[in-house]
Amino acid sequence: MDSKRRRGSRFGYLGNLEYFSYNRILSDKQLKKLKEHKYSCQNESLFDPYLQPYWNWLVTQLPEWLAPNLITTIGLIVNIITSLILVYHSPDGKQDVR
């Protein structure tokens, strides 16, 4: 096994396109498309035009290393915790919570 192959399999190069081209997981054409890809999202919800400036501001306040999935997971955990607190204080949902 040559040194480049050993180094590639040992360290992974998962963040580098070299890994995919060397091991031929993706073809050259697919690698070119991957380099040219630009993420875009379209949302046509009712409140999107009003919340978009807030979301854009919020994104600038978060560190770049924070993954979008982590942000979503944190939001889910916050919702679960607050729901559990409400269920603890009012199990049937009909009592006032103080």
Protein backbone atom coordinates (compact mmCIF):
# COMPACT_ATOMS: atom_id res chain seq x y z
CA MET A 1 0.00 0.00 0.00
CA ASP A 2 1.53 3.34 -1.01
CA SER A 3 1.97 6.20 1.47
CA LYS A 4 -0.77 8.38 -0.05
CA ARG A 5 -3.34 5.61 0.29
CA ARG A 6 -2.25 4.87 3.85
CA ARG A 7 -2.39 8.54 4.76
CA GLY A 8 -5.81 8.93 3.12
CA SER A 9 -7.34 5.98 4.89
CA ARG A 10 -5.67 6.79 8.20
CA PHE A 11 -6.70 10.43 8.47
CA GLY A 12 -9.83 10.31 6.34
CA TYR A 13 -9.70 13.67 4.57
CA LEU A 14 -13.45 13.82 5.09
CA GLY A 15 -13.49 17.58 4.74
CA ASN A 16 -11.44 17.52 1.56
CA LEU A 17 -12.62 16.72 -1.95
CA GLU A 18 -9.26 14.98 -2.53
CA TYR A 19 -10.55 12.03 -0.52
CA PHE A 20 -13.50 11.54 -2.86
CA SER A 21 -11.45 11.88 -6.04
CA TYR A 22 -8.64 9.58 -4.88
CA ASN A 23 -10.91 6.75 -3.77
CA ARG A 24 -13.31 7.31 -6.68
CA ILE A 25 -16.42 7.64 -4.60
CA LEU A 26 -17.47 10.44 -6.94
CA SER A 27 -16.61 10.87 -10.60
CA ASP A 28 -14.77 13.95 -11.90
CA LYS A 29 -18.03 15.30 -13.30
CA GLN A 30 -19.75 14.87 -9.92
CA LEU A 31 -16.84 16.56 -8.12
CA LYS A 32 -17.09 19.52 -10.50
CA LYS A 33 -20.82 19.80 -9.80
CA LEU A 34 -20.15 19.58 -6.06
CA LYS A 35 -17.66 22.46 -6.23
CA GLU A 36 -20.15 24.58 -8.20
CA HIS A 37 -23.11 23.84 -5.90
CA LYS A 38 -24.69 26.85 -4.17
CA TYR A 39 -27.24 26.22 -1.45
CA SER A 40 -30.51 28.08 -1.80
CA CYS A 41 -33.71 27.80 0.13
CA GLN A 42 -37.15 28.96 -0.84
CA ASN A 43 -39.86 29.34 1.72
CA GLU A 44 -43.32 30.57 0.93
CA SER A 45 -44.82 30.60 4.41
CA LEU A 46 -47.11 33.40 5.54
CA PHE A 47 -44.67 34.85 8.09
CA ASP A 48 -41.47 34.36 6.10
CA PRO A 49 -41.25 37.94 4.76
CA TYR A 50 -41.63 39.33 8.28
CA LEU A 51 -39.23 36.92 10.00
CA GLN A 52 -36.51 36.89 7.33
CA PRO A 53 -34.75 40.06 8.60
CA TYR A 54 -34.69 38.59 12.12
CA TRP A 55 -33.30 35.25 10.90
CA ASN A 56 -30.61 37.04 8.87
CA TRP A 57 -29.60 39.07 11.94
CA LEU A 58 -29.64 35.99 14.18
CA VAL A 59 -27.34 34.06 11.84
CA THR A 60 -24.73 36.83 12.13
CA GLN A 61 -24.82 36.49 15.94
CA LEU A 62 -24.01 32.76 15.98
CA PRO A 63 -20.49 31.36 15.54
CA GLU A 64 -19.77 29.86 12.13
CA TRP A 65 -18.68 26.50 13.59
CA LEU A 66 -22.20 25.96 14.98
CA ALA A 67 -23.89 23.43 12.68
CA PRO A 68 -27.49 24.07 11.56
CA ASN A 69 -28.50 20.63 12.84
CA LEU A 70 -27.12 21.50 16.27
CA ILE A 71 -29.19 24.70 16.34
CA THR A 72 -32.30 22.68 15.45
CA THR A 73 -31.51 20.06 18.09
CA ILE A 74 -31.03 22.73 20.77
CA GLY A 75 -34.40 24.25 19.83
CA LEU A 76 -36.04 20.82 20.06
CA ILE A 77 -34.51 20.18 23.49
CA VAL A 78 -35.72 23.58 24.75
CA ASN A 79 -39.25 22.79 23.53
CA ILE A 80 -39.22 19.34 25.15
CA ILE A 81 -37.97 20.72 28.48
CA THR A 82 -40.58 23.49 28.60
CA SER A 83 -43.32 21.01 27.68
CA LEU A 84 -42.21 18.64 30.45
CA ILE A 85 -42.26 21.51 32.96
CA LEU A 86 -45.81 22.43 31.94
CA VAL A 87 -46.97 18.79 32.12
CA TYR A 88 -45.38 18.47 35.57
CA HIS A 89 -47.24 21.52 36.89
CA SER A 90 -50.52 20.82 35.10
CA PRO A 91 -50.82 17.14 34.09
CA ASP A 92 -54.32 17.45 32.68
CA GLY A 93 -53.69 20.84 31.02
CA LYS A 94 -56.74 22.42 32.62
CA GLN A 95 -55.25 23.86 35.80
CA ASP A 96 -53.59 27.27 36.06
CA VAL A 97 -49.82 27.04 36.22
CA ARG A 98 -48.19 29.42 38.68
